[in-house]
Amino acid sequence: MTNKIQAIKQYGQKIWIDNLSRELINSGKLAQLIKEDGIAGVTSNPTIFYKAISSDKHYQDDLTKIKQSNLSAEARYEHLVMKDIQAACDIMLPLYTSSKYEDGYVSFEVSPHLCHDKQGTIDNARRLWQEINRPNLMIKVPATAAGIEALTQLIFDGINVNITLLFSLGQVIRTWNAYITGLQKRYNRDLPVDTIKSVASFFLSRVDTAIDDKLPEDLQGTAAINLAKMAYLAYSELFSSETFSILKRYGAKEQYLLWASTGTKNPKYSDVLYVEELIGGPTINTVPDATLNAFRDHGIARNSLTENIDQAPVNLEKVQQYVNMDELGEQLQKDGLKLFEDSFDQLMELVK
């Protein structure tokens, strides 16, 4: 029987796993996921690492030792998890090489407390890039105004970036323009553009969770899917335009949409809703363990992303009669930043 997750690849979409821990690495599970399910990348964040360090027995000896050091709390945290990022990058390296730098990336986030500090984000990202020292590392940067400005500089620097916490069309279009500007600056300096990878992480389930109670029943559970399809329409237009064509001729890669927050939160909906209804490419979907297991069990792969895509603007317009989607995007980004900041602060307490 064809592996249900592997079957997604035929439609141009890659699946990443939204989880990383020492247990995942040491047990051989990550290598198994790559081999059996075709997992093509890994994402992490402060919430994921808090859960891992607080519950995974593989960290406990190192945690005890690091608490006796004179390092700052943030340096202790980085010392603990950089080993995992490097190990995951090494496991993914053959895929990164064989795919000619398309796949095999591992994401690690800058401190969320730098989210409104452009230069602080740039400095932090440069340091992490140098210290982790893996070509398939992807530095994760929140898509605030400062973060999007930082993206241009980091792309110019040749650093792979996962720009995250995108919730609206305006946010993602600004991200793409910043990415293209960074590539253009490299091109103008005769620097290579063909080895840089960046993705735009567009969050889904949180959109529906936030607004379903404001919508009539027939519109509930539809906003995120239609918003994603609208984003894909905008992506297709921008990256097939003359603006990007010269860069593409020199090997530049499009900044793919990465569907994030794809675990279903509303029990009324299918537990594979945000995977099954947005398969198509080129895109990426990063899924938590539970969603991955559910799709492996009963998911159906089909070319769903472009199904009725021309109706997405009409469908979203119906939602916008009840909700201002741009304002919602700004609020959800603020809420997401607060969640990551809280998890980061909990991490700092954990390693003190």
Foldseek 3Di string as FASTA:
>chain_A
DDQLLLVLVVQQAAEAAAAFAVCCLVVCVLLVCCVRRVHFEYEYALLRVLVRCVPPPVQVVLLVVLLPDPDALVVSSCVRCLVRQLSQLVSQVVVCVVVVNPTRAYEDEFQLVCQVPLVVRLVRQVVSCVVSVHLRYAYEHELDVSRLLNLLVCVLVQHAYEHDLFEALVSVVSNQVSNLNSLVVCVVVVHAQQNYAYAYEYEAQVLLVVCQVQDPPVLRPPQRLLRVLVNVVVQVVVCVDPSNVVNVVRRHDHHAYEYPNQQHDDPVDDRRVSPQQQRHPNHYYHYYPVNSVSSSVDNHHDNRSPVVSVCSVVSNVNVVVRPDSVVVSVVSSVVVSVVSNVSVVSSSVSSD
